[in-house]
C-alpha atoms as a PDB file:
ATOM      1  CA  LEU A   1     -21.855  15.023  16.805  1.00  0.00           C
ATOM      2  CA  VAL A   2     -23.234  18.282  15.474  1.00  0.00           C
ATOM      3  CA  HIS A   3     -22.028  21.611  14.182  1.00  0.00           C
ATOM      4  CA  GLY A   4     -23.808  24.684  15.468  1.00  0.00           C
ATOM      5  CA  ASP A   5     -27.448  24.040  16.319  1.00  0.00           C
ATOM      6  CA  GLY A   6     -27.435  20.630  14.644  1.00  0.00           C
ATOM      7  CA  LYS A   7     -29.004  21.903  11.429  1.00  0.00           C
ATOM      8  CA  VAL A   8     -25.659  22.612   9.747  1.00  0.00           C
ATOM      9  CA  PRO A   9     -24.607  19.910   7.237  1.00  0.00           C
ATOM     10  CA  ILE A  10     -21.362  18.015   7.782  1.00  0.00           C
ATOM     11  CA  TYR A  11     -19.626  17.556   4.422  1.00  0.00           C
ATOM     12  CA  SER A  12     -16.553  15.538   5.361  1.00  0.00           C
ATOM     13  CA  LEU A  13     -14.941  13.595   8.171  1.00  0.00           C
ATOM     14  CA  ASP A  14     -11.626  11.896   8.805  1.00  0.00           C
ATOM     15  CA  VAL A  15     -10.055   9.756  11.524  1.00  0.00           C
ATOM     16  CA  HIS A  16      -6.570  10.528  12.815  1.00  0.00           C
ATOM     17  CA  PRO A  17      -4.022   7.811  11.897  1.00  0.00           C
ATOM     18  CA  ASP A  18      -3.634   6.766  15.551  1.00  0.00           C
ATOM     19  CA  GLY A  19      -7.422   6.495  15.974  1.00  0.00           C
ATOM     20  CA  SER A  20      -7.573   9.046  18.793  1.00  0.00           C
ATOM     21  CA  ARG A  21      -9.330  11.891  16.976  1.00  0.00           C
ATOM     22  CA  LEU A  22     -12.200  12.446  14.541  1.00  0.00           C
ATOM     23  CA  ALA A  23     -12.366  15.603  12.446  1.00  0.00           C
ATOM     24  CA  THR A  24     -15.549  16.947  10.856  1.00  0.00           C
ATOM     25  CA  ALA A  25     -15.925  19.776   8.326  1.00  0.00           C
ATOM     26  CA  GLY A  26     -19.241  21.588   8.093  1.00  0.00           C
ATOM     27  CA  GLY A  27     -21.392  24.122   6.341  1.00  0.00           C
ATOM     28  CA  ASP A  28     -20.733  26.612   9.139  1.00  0.00           C
ATOM     29  CA  GLY A  29     -17.131  26.908   7.939  1.00  0.00           C
ATOM     30  CA  GLN A  30     -15.800  25.200  11.046  1.00  0.00           C
ATOM     31  CA  VAL A  31     -13.600  22.132  11.343  1.00  0.00           C
ATOM     32  CA  VAL A  32     -14.089  20.360  14.671  1.00  0.00           C
ATOM     33  CA  ILE A  33     -11.663  17.832  16.146  1.00  0.00           C
ATOM     34  CA  TRP A  34     -13.326  15.392  18.559  1.00  0.00           C
ATOM     35  CA  PRO A  35     -11.768  12.836  20.956  1.00  0.00           C
ATOM     36  CA  VAL A  36     -12.721   9.323  19.846  1.00  0.00           C
ATOM     37  CA  GLN A  37     -12.434   7.954  23.397  1.00  0.00           C
ATOM     38  CA  TYR A  38     -15.075  10.364  24.657  1.00  0.00           C
ATOM     39  CA  ILE A  39     -17.336   9.539  21.713  1.00  0.00           C
ATOM     40  CA  MET A  40     -17.107   5.834  22.526  1.00  0.00           C
ATOM     41  CA  GLN A  41     -17.896   6.538  26.187  1.00  0.00           C
ATOM     42  CA  GLU A  42     -21.027   8.451  25.216  1.00  0.00           C
ATOM     43  CA  LEU A  43     -22.120   5.664  22.884  1.00  0.00           C
ATOM     44  CA  SER A  44     -21.609   3.144  25.682  1.00  0.00           C
ATOM     45  CA  LYS A  45     -23.767   5.264  28.022  1.00  0.00           C
ATOM     46  CA  LYS A  46     -26.547   5.412  25.441  1.00  0.00           C
ATOM     47  CA  GLN A  47     -26.424   1.648  24.920  1.00  0.00           C
ATOM     48  CA  ARG A  48     -26.632   1.024  28.672  1.00  0.00           C
ATOM     49  CA  SER A  49     -29.486   3.499  28.950  1.00  0.00           C
ATOM     50  CA  ALA A  50     -31.373   1.776  26.121  1.00  0.00           C
ATOM     51  CA  GLY A  51     -30.854  -1.590  27.807  1.00  0.00           C
ATOM     52  CA  ASN A  52     -32.152  -0.269  31.108  1.00  0.00           C
ATOM     53  CA  LYS A  53     -35.277   1.105  29.443  1.00  0.00           C
ATOM     54  CA  GLU A  54     -35.949  -2.238  27.795  1.00  0.00           C
ATOM     55  CA  ASN A  55     -35.433  -4.148  31.042  1.00  0.00           C
ATOM     56  CA  SER A  56     -37.623  -1.783  33.062  1.00  0.00           C
ATOM     57  CA  GLY A  57     -40.345  -1.628  30.446  1.00  0.00           C
ATOM     58  CA  GLY A  58     -40.457   2.144  30.672  1.00  0.00           C
ATOM     59  CA  ASN A  59     -38.389   5.285  30.757  1.00  0.00           C
ATOM     60  CA  ALA A  60     -36.728   4.709  34.131  1.00  0.00           C
ATOM     61  CA  GLY A  61     -32.957   4.820  34.414  1.00  0.00           C
ATOM     62  CA  ARG A  62     -30.743   2.803  36.697  1.00  0.00           C
ATOM     63  CA  ASP A  63     -31.656   4.994  39.663  1.00  0.00           C
ATOM     64  CA  GLY A  64     -35.380   4.699  38.991  1.00  0.00           C
ATOM     65  CA  LYS A  65     -35.635   8.250  37.685  1.00  0.00           C
ATOM     66  CA  PRO A  66     -36.646   9.180  34.135  1.00  0.00           C
ATOM     67  CA  SER A  67     -33.759   8.787  31.751  1.00  0.00           C
ATOM     68  CA  GLY A  68     -33.062   9.851  28.184  1.00  0.00           C
ATOM     69  CA  GLY A  69     -33.487  13.425  27.062  1.00  0.00           C
ATOM     70  CA  ASN A  70     -30.508  15.609  26.270  1.00  0.00           C
ATOM     71  CA  GLN A  71     -27.135  13.940  26.428  1.00  0.00           C
ATOM     72  CA  ALA A  72     -24.105  15.949  27.504  1.00  0.00           C
ATOM     73  CA  ALA A  73     -22.363  17.563  24.556  1.00  0.00           C
ATOM     74  CA  VAL A  74     -19.307  15.692  23.347  1.00  0.00           C
ATOM     75  CA  LYS A  75     -16.159  17.553  24.376  1.00  0.00           C
ATOM     76  CA  LYS A  76     -14.150  19.087  21.562  1.00  0.00           C
ATOM     77  CA  LEU A  77     -10.380  19.063  21.336  1.00  0.00           C
ATOM     78  CA  ALA A  78     -10.291  21.992  18.918  1.00  0.00           C
ATOM     79  CA  THR A  79     -12.437  24.057  16.583  1.00  0.00           C
ATOM     80  CA  LEU A  80     -10.732  25.573  13.535  1.00  0.00           C
ATOM     81  CA  VAL A  81     -12.520  28.687  12.282  1.00  0.00           C
ATOM     82  CA  ASP A  82     -10.251  30.043   9.536  1.00  0.00           C
ATOM     83  CA  HIS A  83     -12.472  29.287   6.527  1.00  0.00           C
ATOM     84  CA  LYS A  84     -14.759  32.115   5.378  1.00  0.00           C
ATOM     85  CA  GLY A  85     -17.390  29.792   3.948  1.00  0.00           C
ATOM     86  CA  PRO A  86     -18.497  26.156   4.185  1.00  0.00           C
ATOM     87  CA  ALA A  87     -15.659  23.686   4.828  1.00  0.00           C
ATOM     88  CA  ASN A  88     -16.078  20.843   2.315  1.00  0.00           C
ATOM     89  CA  ALA A  89     -13.150  18.502   2.935  1.00  0.00           C
ATOM     90  CA  VAL A  90     -10.854  17.529   5.801  1.00  0.00           C
ATOM     91  CA  ARG A  91      -7.928  15.083   5.916  1.00  0.00           C
ATOM     92  CA  PHE A  92      -5.269  14.345   8.516  1.00  0.00           C
ATOM     93  CA  SER A  93      -1.774  13.822   7.160  1.00  0.00           C
ATOM     94  CA  ARG A  94      -0.507  10.237   7.204  1.00  0.00           C
ATOM     95  CA  GLY A  95       1.832  11.072  10.073  1.00  0.00           C
ATOM     96  CA  GLY A  96      -0.954  12.822  11.994  1.00  0.00           C
ATOM     97  CA  ARG A  97       0.933  16.055  12.625  1.00  0.00           C
ATOM     98  CA  PHE A  98      -1.036  18.135  10.106  1.00  0.00           C
ATOM     99  CA  ILE A  99      -4.647  18.550   9.054  1.00  0.00           C
ATOM    100  CA  ALA A 100      -5.667  19.950   5.649  1.00  0.00           C
ATOM    101  CA  THR A 101      -9.040  21.478   4.803  1.00  0.00           C
ATOM    102  CA  GLY A 102     -10.690  22.903   1.694  1.00  0.00           C
ATOM    103  CA  GLY A 103     -13.739  25.126   1.386  1.00  0.00           C
ATOM    104  CA  ASP A 104     -16.105  27.288  -0.612  1.00  0.00           C
ATOM    105  CA  ASP A 105     -13.736  30.220  -0.059  1.00  0.00           C
ATOM    106  CA  HIS A 106     -11.435  28.558  -2.663  1.00  0.00           C
ATOM    107  CA  LEU A 107      -8.768  28.109   0.030  1.00  0.00           C
ATOM    108  CA  VAL A 108      -6.758  25.100   1.174  1.00  0.00           C
ATOM    109  CA  LEU A 109      -5.593  25.503   4.765  1.00  0.00           C
ATOM    110  CA  VAL A 110      -3.099  23.371   6.660  1.00  0.00           C
ATOM    111  CA  HIS A 111      -2.897  23.373  10.463  1.00  0.00           C
ATOM    112  CA  GLU A 112      -0.109  21.842  12.535  1.00  0.00           C
ATOM    113  CA  LEU A 113      -0.482  20.291  15.997  1.00  0.00           C
ATOM    114  CA  ARG A 114       2.031  22.010  18.258  1.00  0.00           C
ATOM    115  CA  PRO A 115       2.874  21.534  21.950  1.00  0.00           C
ATOM    116  CA  GLY A 116       0.909  23.353  24.618  1.00  0.00           C
ATOM    117  CA  ALA A 117      -2.700  24.330  25.100  1.00  0.00           C
ATOM    118  CA  GLY A 118      -4.750  25.925  22.364  1.00  0.00           C
ATOM    119  CA  ALA A 119      -5.475  29.626  22.353  1.00  0.00           C
ATOM    120  CA  GLN A 120      -8.855  31.282  22.676  1.00  0.00           C
ATOM    121  CA  LYS A 121     -10.364  32.359  19.377  1.00  0.00           C
ATOM    122  CA  SER A 122     -13.414  34.210  18.203  1.00  0.00           C
ATOM    123  CA  GLY A 123     -15.991  31.799  16.861  1.00  0.00           C
ATOM    124  CA  GLY A 124     -17.294  34.367  14.410  1.00  0.00           C
ATOM    125  CA  PHE A 125     -20.259  36.718  14.473  1.00  0.00           C
ATOM    126  CA  GLY A 126     -22.700  35.789  17.234  1.00  0.00           C
ATOM    127  CA  ARG A 127     -20.783  32.666  18.283  1.00  0.00           C
ATOM    128  CA  GLY A 128     -18.716  33.905  21.222  1.00  0.00           C
ATOM    129  CA  ARG A 129     -15.176  32.776  21.976  1.00  0.00           C
ATOM    130  CA  ILE A 130     -13.784  29.258  21.501  1.00  0.00           C
ATOM    131  CA  THR A 131     -11.245  27.655  23.831  1.00  0.00           C
ATOM    132  CA  ASN A 132      -9.234  24.867  22.233  1.00  0.00           C
ATOM    133  CA  LEU A 133      -7.709  22.088  24.306  1.00  0.00           C
ATOM    134  CA  GLU A 134      -5.217  21.209  21.559  1.00  0.00           C
ATOM    135  CA  ASN A 135      -2.940  23.714  19.868  1.00  0.00           C
ATOM    136  CA  TRP A 136      -3.653  23.415  16.124  1.00  0.00           C
ATOM    137  CA  VAL A 137      -1.923  26.357  14.435  1.00  0.00           C
ATOM    138  CA  LYS A 138      -2.468  27.431  10.819  1.00  0.00           C
ATOM    139  CA  CYS A 139       0.864  27.001   9.032  1.00  0.00           C
ATOM    140  CA  MET A 140      -0.121  27.123   5.344  1.00  0.00           C
ATOM    141  CA  ASN A 141      -2.655  29.069   3.324  1.00  0.00           C
ATOM    142  CA  LEU A 142      -2.639  27.609  -0.200  1.00  0.00           C
ATOM    143  CA  THR A 143      -4.294  29.876  -2.765  1.00  0.00           C
ATOM    144  CA  GLY A 144      -4.834  29.374  -6.472  1.00  0.00           C
ATOM    145  CA  HIS A 145      -8.136  27.565  -6.962  1.00  0.00           C
ATOM    146  CA  SER A 146     -10.768  29.818  -8.518  1.00  0.00           C
ATOM    147  CA  ASN A 147     -13.793  27.876  -7.259  1.00  0.00           C
ATOM    148  CA  ASN A 148     -14.910  25.661  -4.359  1.00  0.00           C
ATOM    149  CA  VAL A 149     -12.407  23.059  -3.125  1.00  0.00           C
ATOM    150  CA  VAL A 150     -14.314  19.796  -2.629  1.00  0.00           C
ATOM    151  CA  ASP A 151     -11.720  17.098  -1.951  1.00  0.00           C
ATOM    152  CA  LEU A 152      -8.054  16.681  -1.061  1.00  0.00           C
ATOM    153  CA  ALA A 153      -5.529  13.932  -0.367  1.00  0.00           C
ATOM    154  CA  TRP A 154      -2.061  13.610   1.165  1.00  0.00           C
ATOM    155  CA  SER A 155       0.697  11.731  -0.632  1.00  0.00           C
ATOM    156  CA  PRO A 156       1.950   8.555   1.111  1.00  0.00           C
ATOM    157  CA  ASP A 157       4.973  10.370   2.554  1.00  0.00           C
ATOM    158  CA  ASP A 158       3.079  13.633   3.344  1.00  0.00           C
ATOM    159  CA  SER A 159       5.450  15.627   1.108  1.00  0.00           C
ATOM    160  CA  MET A 160       2.657  16.622  -1.281  1.00  0.00           C
ATOM    161  CA  LEU A 161      -1.021  17.456  -1.112  1.00  0.00           C
ATOM    162  CA  ALA A 162      -3.484  17.045  -3.994  1.00  0.00           C
ATOM    163  CA  THR A 163      -6.600  19.235  -4.073  1.00  0.00           C
ATOM    164  CA  CYS A 164      -9.491  19.334  -6.532  1.00  0.00           C
ATOM    165  CA  SER A 165     -12.067  21.979  -7.253  1.00  0.00           C
ATOM    166  CA  LEU A 166     -15.100  23.092  -9.182  1.00  0.00           C
ATOM    167  CA  ASP A 167     -12.629  25.078 -11.303  1.00  0.00           C
ATOM    168  CA  ASN A 168     -12.053  21.774 -13.207  1.00  0.00           C
ATOM    169  CA  THR A 169      -8.475  21.374 -11.950  1.00  0.00           C
ATOM    170  CA  VAL A 170      -6.362  19.272  -9.633  1.00  0.00           C
ATOM    171  CA  ARG A 171      -3.532  21.146  -7.942  1.00  0.00           C
ATOM    172  CA  ILE A 172      -0.458  19.515  -6.439  1.00  0.00           C
ATOM    173  CA  TRP A 173       1.261  21.313  -3.558  1.00  0.00           C
ATOM    174  CA  ASN A 174       4.681  20.844  -1.964  1.00  0.00           C
ATOM    175  CA  THR A 175       3.828  20.734   1.740  1.00  0.00           C
ATOM    176  CA  LEU A 176       7.435  21.165   2.853  1.00  0.00           C
ATOM    177  CA  ARG A 177       7.643  24.596   1.212  1.00  0.00           C
ATOM    178  CA  GLY A 178       3.963  25.502   0.860  1.00  0.00           C
ATOM    179  CA  THR A 179       4.372  25.998  -2.889  1.00  0.00           C
ATOM    180  CA  LEU A 180       2.514  24.869  -6.006  1.00  0.00           C
ATOM    181  CA  VAL A 181       4.057  21.940  -7.894  1.00  0.00           C
ATOM    182  CA  THR A 182       1.706  21.698 -10.877  1.00  0.00           C
ATOM    183  CA  VAL A 183      -1.874  22.204 -12.097  1.00  0.00           C
ATOM    184  CA  LEU A 184      -3.569  19.238 -13.812  1.00  0.00           C
ATOM    185  CA  GLN A 185      -6.202  20.370 -16.322  1.00  0.00           C
ATOM    186  CA  ASP A 186      -7.273  17.159 -18.084  1.00  0.00           C
ATOM    187  CA  HIS A 187     -10.878  17.194 -16.848  1.00  0.00           C
ATOM    188  CA  ARG A 188     -13.600  19.095 -18.695  1.00  0.00           C
ATOM    189  CA  SER A 189     -15.918  19.664 -15.743  1.00  0.00           C
ATOM    190  CA  PHE A 190     -15.975  19.930 -11.943  1.00  0.00           C
ATOM    191  CA  VAL A 191     -13.395  17.691 -10.253  1.00  0.00           C
ATOM    192  CA  LYS A 192     -14.927  16.274  -7.071  1.00  0.00           C
ATOM    193  CA  GLY A 193     -12.612  13.489  -5.954  1.00  0.00           C
ATOM    194  CA  VAL A 194      -8.864  12.839  -5.777  1.00  0.00           C
ATOM    195  CA  VAL A 195      -6.780  10.013  -4.287  1.00  0.00           C
ATOM    196  CA  TRP A 196      -3.125   8.910  -4.165  1.00  0.00           C
ATOM    197  CA  ASP A 197      -1.930   5.438  -4.967  1.00  0.00           C
ATOM    198  CA  PRO A 198      -0.713   3.910  -1.631  1.00  0.00           C
ATOM    199  CA  VAL A 199       2.473   2.870  -3.427  1.00  0.00           C
ATOM    200  CA  GLY A 200       3.022   6.476  -4.493  1.00  0.00           C
ATOM    201  CA  LYS A 201       3.269   5.849  -8.234  1.00  0.00           C
ATOM    202  CA  TYR A 202      -0.100   7.183  -9.416  1.00  0.00           C
ATOM    203  CA  LEU A 203      -2.725   9.827  -8.694  1.00  0.00           C
ATOM    204  CA  ALA A 204      -6.398   9.382  -9.640  1.00  0.00           C
ATOM    205  CA  SER A 205      -9.195  11.934  -9.884  1.00  0.00           C
ATOM    206  CA  GLN A 206     -12.905  11.757 -10.695  1.00  0.00           C
ATOM    207  CA  SER A 207     -14.996  14.453 -12.331  1.00  0.00           C
ATOM    208  CA  ASP A 208     -18.480  15.433 -13.412  1.00  0.00           C
ATOM    209  CA  ASP A 209     -17.233  14.906 -16.979  1.00  0.00           C
ATOM    210  CA  ARG A 210     -17.998  11.233 -16.219  1.00  0.00           C
ATOM    211  CA  SER A 211     -14.421  10.048 -16.123  1.00  0.00           C
ATOM    212  CA  VAL A 212     -11.668   8.841 -13.816  1.00  0.00           C
ATOM    213  CA  ILE A 213      -8.181   9.925 -14.875  1.00  0.00           C
ATOM    214  CA  VAL A 214      -5.095   8.082 -13.631  1.00  0.00           C
ATOM    215  CA  ARG A 215      -1.731   9.838 -13.899  1.00  0.00           C
ATOM    216  CA  THR A 216       1.853   9.006 -13.049  1.00  0.00           C
ATOM    217  CA  VAL A 217       3.342  11.018 -10.204  1.00  0.00           C
ATOM    218  CA  GLU A 218       6.632  11.182 -12.069  1.00  0.00           C
ATOM    219  CA  GLY A 219       5.953  13.598 -14.906  1.00  0.00           C
ATOM    220  CA  TRP A 220       2.162  13.746 -14.259  1.00  0.00           C
ATOM    221  CA  GLU A 221       1.432  11.887 -17.490  1.00  0.00           C
ATOM    222  CA  THR A 222      -2.048  10.463 -18.086  1.00  0.00           C
ATOM    223  CA  VAL A 223      -1.964   6.661 -18.265  1.00  0.00           C
ATOM    224  CA  SER A 224      -5.717   6.051 -18.437  1.00  0.00           C
ATOM    225  CA  CYS A 225      -8.985   7.919 -18.786  1.00  0.00           C
ATOM    226  CA  VAL A 226     -11.774   5.550 -17.700  1.00  0.00           C
ATOM    227  CA  LYS A 227     -15.266   6.430 -18.936  1.00  0.00           C
ATOM    228  CA  ASP A 228     -17.362   3.290 -19.501  1.00  0.00           C
ATOM    229  CA  PRO A 229     -18.671   2.800 -15.913  1.00  0.00           C
ATOM    230  CA  PHE A 230     -19.813   6.426 -15.743  1.00  0.00           C
ATOM    231  CA  VAL A 231     -21.600   6.957 -19.065  1.00  0.00           C
ATOM    232  CA  LYS A 232     -25.004   7.107 -17.343  1.00  0.00           C
ATOM    233  CA  ALA A 233     -23.731   8.718 -14.139  1.00  0.00           C
ATOM    234  CA  VAL A 234     -25.609  11.583 -12.498  1.00  0.00           C
ATOM    235  CA  TRP A 235     -23.555  14.712 -13.087  1.00  0.00           C
ATOM    236  CA  ASN A 236     -24.764  16.945 -10.197  1.00  0.00           C
ATOM    237  CA  THR A 237     -23.677  15.010  -7.095  1.00  0.00           C
ATOM    238  CA  PHE A 238     -21.980  16.912  -4.258  1.00  0.00           C
ATOM    239  CA  SER A 239     -18.853  14.772  -4.490  1.00  0.00           C
ATOM    240  CA  THR A 240     -17.264  11.853  -6.321  1.00  0.00           C
ATOM    241  CA  ARG A 241     -14.810  10.753  -3.643  1.00  0.00           C
ATOM    242  CA  LEU A 242     -13.098   7.688  -4.970  1.00  0.00           C
ATOM    243  CA  ASP A 243     -10.588   5.698  -2.888  1.00  0.00           C
ATOM    244  CA  TRP A 244      -7.671   3.321  -3.377  1.00  0.00           C
ATOM    245  CA  CYS A 245      -7.454  -0.092  -1.725  1.00  0.00           C
ATOM    246  CA  PRO A 246      -4.620  -0.005   0.869  1.00  0.00           C
ATOM    247  CA  ASP A 247      -2.698  -2.774  -0.932  1.00  0.00           C
ATOM    248  CA  GLY A 248      -2.785  -0.700  -4.144  1.00  0.00           C
ATOM    249  CA  SER A 249      -4.548  -3.405  -6.160  1.00  0.00           C
ATOM    250  CA  HIS A 250      -7.596  -1.403  -7.249  1.00  0.00           C
ATOM    251  CA  ILE A 251      -9.562   1.823  -7.082  1.00  0.00           C
ATOM    252  CA  THR A 252     -13.180   2.024  -5.949  1.00  0.00           C
ATOM    253  CA  ALA A 253     -14.731   4.750  -8.107  1.00  0.00           C
ATOM    254  CA  VAL A 254     -18.150   6.144  -7.226  1.00  0.00           C
ATOM    255  CA  ASN A 255     -21.170   7.444  -9.144  1.00  0.00           C
ATOM    256  CA  ALA A 256     -21.068   4.497 -11.531  1.00  0.00           C
ATOM    257  CA  TYR A 257     -24.104   2.854 -13.107  1.00  0.00           C
ATOM    258  CA  GLN A 258     -24.830  -0.689 -14.172  1.00  0.00           C
ATOM    259  CA  ALA A 259     -28.422  -1.170 -15.267  1.00  0.00           C
ATOM    260  CA  PRO A 260     -30.698  -1.066 -13.437  1.00  0.00           C
ATOM    261  CA  ARG A 261     -28.901   0.387 -10.417  1.00  0.00           C
ATOM    262  CA  ASN A 262     -26.363   2.892  -9.118  1.00  0.00           C
ATOM    263  CA  THR A 263     -23.054   1.291  -8.162  1.00  0.00           C
ATOM    264  CA  ALA A 264     -19.431   1.830  -7.190  1.00  0.00           C
ATOM    265  CA  ALA A 265     -17.019   0.387  -9.753  1.00  0.00           C
ATOM    266  CA  ILE A 266     -13.819  -1.555  -9.063  1.00  0.00           C
ATOM    267  CA  LEU A 267     -10.998  -0.463 -11.407  1.00  0.00           C
ATOM    268  CA  MET A 268      -8.046  -2.868 -11.391  1.00  0.00           C
ATOM    269  CA  ARG A 269      -4.513  -1.525 -11.218  1.00  0.00           C
ATOM    270  CA  GLY A 270      -2.564  -1.661 -14.459  1.00  0.00           C
ATOM    271  CA  SER A 271      -5.429  -2.406 -16.853  1.00  0.00           C
ATOM    272  CA  TRP A 272      -7.699   0.154 -15.106  1.00  0.00           C
ATOM    273  CA  ALA A 273     -10.596  -1.972 -16.372  1.00  0.00           C
ATOM    274  CA  ARG A 274     -13.827  -2.402 -14.441  1.00  0.00           C
ATOM    275  CA  SER A 275     -13.777  -5.837 -12.820  1.00  0.00           C
ATOM    276  CA  HIS A 276     -17.032  -5.732 -10.842  1.00  0.00           C
ATOM    277  CA  ASP A 277     -19.358  -3.377  -8.945  1.00  0.00           C
ATOM    278  CA  TYR A 278     -20.674  -2.848  -5.450  1.00  0.00           C
ATOM    279  CA  VAL A 279     -24.467  -2.812  -5.732  1.00  0.00           C
ATOM    280  CA  GLY A 280     -27.373  -2.151  -3.375  1.00  0.00           C
ATOM    281  CA  HIS A 281     -27.833   1.609  -3.235  1.00  0.00           C
ATOM    282  CA  LYS A 282     -30.930   3.255  -4.682  1.00  0.00           C
ATOM    283  CA  ALA A 283     -29.260   6.573  -5.486  1.00  0.00           C
ATOM    284  CA  PRO A 284     -25.813   7.661  -6.676  1.00  0.00           C
ATOM    285  CA  VAL A 285     -22.874   6.557  -4.546  1.00  0.00           C
ATOM    286  CA  VAL A 286     -20.895   9.734  -3.827  1.00  0.00           C
ATOM    287  CA  ALA A 287     -18.116   8.651  -1.444  1.00  0.00           C
ATOM    288  CA  SER A 288     -15.965   5.592  -0.792  1.00  0.00           C
ATOM    289  CA  ARG A 289     -13.415   5.042   1.959  1.00  0.00           C
ATOM    290  CA  PHE A 290     -11.259   2.039   2.764  1.00  0.00           C
ATOM    291  CA  ASN A 291     -10.160   1.036   6.221  1.00  0.00           C
ATOM    292  CA  PRO A 292      -6.385   1.654   6.019  1.00  0.00           C
ATOM    293  CA  CYS A 293      -5.657  -1.890   7.252  1.00  0.00           C
ATOM    294  CA  MET A 294      -5.876  -5.220   5.448  1.00  0.00           C
ATOM    295  CA  PHE A 295      -7.462  -8.100   7.364  1.00  0.00           C
ATOM    296  CA  ARG A 296      -6.779 -11.811   7.530  1.00  0.00           C
ATOM    297  CA  VAL A 297     -10.162 -13.556   7.513  1.00  0.00           C
ATOM    298  CA  LYS A 298     -10.821 -17.169   8.432  1.00  0.00           C
ATOM    299  CA  LYS A 299     -12.495 -19.178   5.690  1.00  0.00           C
ATOM    300  CA  ASP A 300     -15.661 -21.161   6.294  1.00  0.00           C
ATOM    301  CA  ASP A 301     -15.062 -24.886   6.755  1.00  0.00           C
ATOM    302  CA  ALA A 302     -17.026 -25.564   3.558  1.00  0.00           C
ATOM    303  CA  GLU A 303     -14.562 -23.431   1.572  1.00  0.00           C
ATOM    304  CA  THR A 304     -11.421 -25.275   2.589  1.00  0.00           C
ATOM    305  CA  SER A 305      -9.979 -28.731   2.176  1.00  0.00           C
ATOM    306  CA  VAL A 306      -7.018 -30.497   3.710  1.00  0.00           C
ATOM    307  CA  GLY A 307      -3.745 -28.753   2.905  1.00  0.00           C
ATOM    308  CA  GLN A 308      -5.346 -25.487   1.769  1.00  0.00           C
ATOM    309  CA  GLU A 309      -4.758 -22.080   3.344  1.00  0.00           C
ATOM    310  CA  GLN A 310      -7.311 -21.537   6.112  1.00  0.00           C
ATOM    311  CA  THR A 311      -7.432 -17.740   5.805  1.00  0.00           C
ATOM    312  CA  TYR A 312      -7.528 -15.070   3.139  1.00  0.00           C
ATOM    313  CA  VAL A 313      -6.599 -11.375   3.052  1.00  0.00           C
ATOM    314  CA  ALA A 314      -9.431  -8.874   2.659  1.00  0.00           C
ATOM    315  CA  SER A 315     -10.029  -5.141   2.673  1.00  0.00           C
ATOM    316  CA  CYS A 316     -12.976  -3.285   4.230  1.00  0.00           C
ATOM    317  CA  ILE A 317     -14.709  -0.361   2.540  1.00  0.00           C
ATOM    318  CA  ALA A 318     -17.600   1.972   3.370  1.00  0.00           C
ATOM    319  CA  LEU A 319     -19.773   3.578   0.678  1.00  0.00           C
ATOM    320  CA  GLY A 320     -21.976   6.629   1.167  1.00  0.00           C
ATOM    321  CA  SER A 321     -24.911   7.392  -1.104  1.00  0.00           C
ATOM    322  CA  GLN A 322     -27.497  10.052  -1.791  1.00  0.00           C
ATOM    323  CA  ASP A 323     -30.108   7.530  -0.623  1.00  0.00           C
ATOM    324  CA  ASN A 324     -28.973   8.577   2.899  1.00  0.00           C
ATOM    325  CA  LYS A 325     -27.419   5.194   3.603  1.00  0.00           C
ATOM    326  CA  VAL A 326     -23.916   3.900   4.279  1.00  0.00           C
ATOM    327  CA  THR A 327     -22.957   0.324   3.384  1.00  0.00           C
ATOM    328  CA  VAL A 328     -19.856  -1.541   4.569  1.00  0.00           C
END
């Protein structure tokens, strides 16, 4: 999956709640919505092609002709071109009806999926016209940030949207009216990550001031400012996208450090203390994302005895780092 000629960076991605779509936000200012089913079909073709090459001992395909080379471009459901600079963040709403994006143009845009086919749009200077298969219509243009918007998050009931920026603030928006609720100004440097508590009681943000701040949603009062895991953190990462475990039990905060390595720190709900770290990356961890589901995992036979529970509940998280690796 590429933007433009493939040399444009992709800064953010998100999966639609029903698993049918993948959205990517890129340095070309575009937000592309891709069909997951088609992506999986293309991956399956590549796997079959690789297997055929291995079995034939050469570059022949199933029909005996050379295979490989350029694959057909993945079909796009829609391309959103309303940002006037790089698009840094993209998130589908929990219900899947809306998609929110933030960019270097200081704007937060919200598009709504409406019935019917998408309209043709200009792709910008030198890009020709774009025909969208799905009808994503811009319904909100949220202005107020005075610098790049680098992360955003929907509240559990989609009634509010939190956005954070290099203007050192977190802004809370009422998405039913398209109005500003409040501006949170506790951080002393760029705010590069924001996440809602799945229960809806708290909001957490992470900043280049080497802190994670947890606030109550009712009254927006600060309940904790966590600094210890980030004392030796690198301050100039592109993002610090922390995430909340889907059962609400803990936050995984990024860009932490525990000698002698870069880590992601687990902050337990209530105490907000660091319980342990994810280790293994050789550069700062800049993004974390939980699978929205919890999983029941079967224990190994050696771990259980007669009368004990045979399974346990676990979460699954992916971490992205500036060492160009993703761990799960």
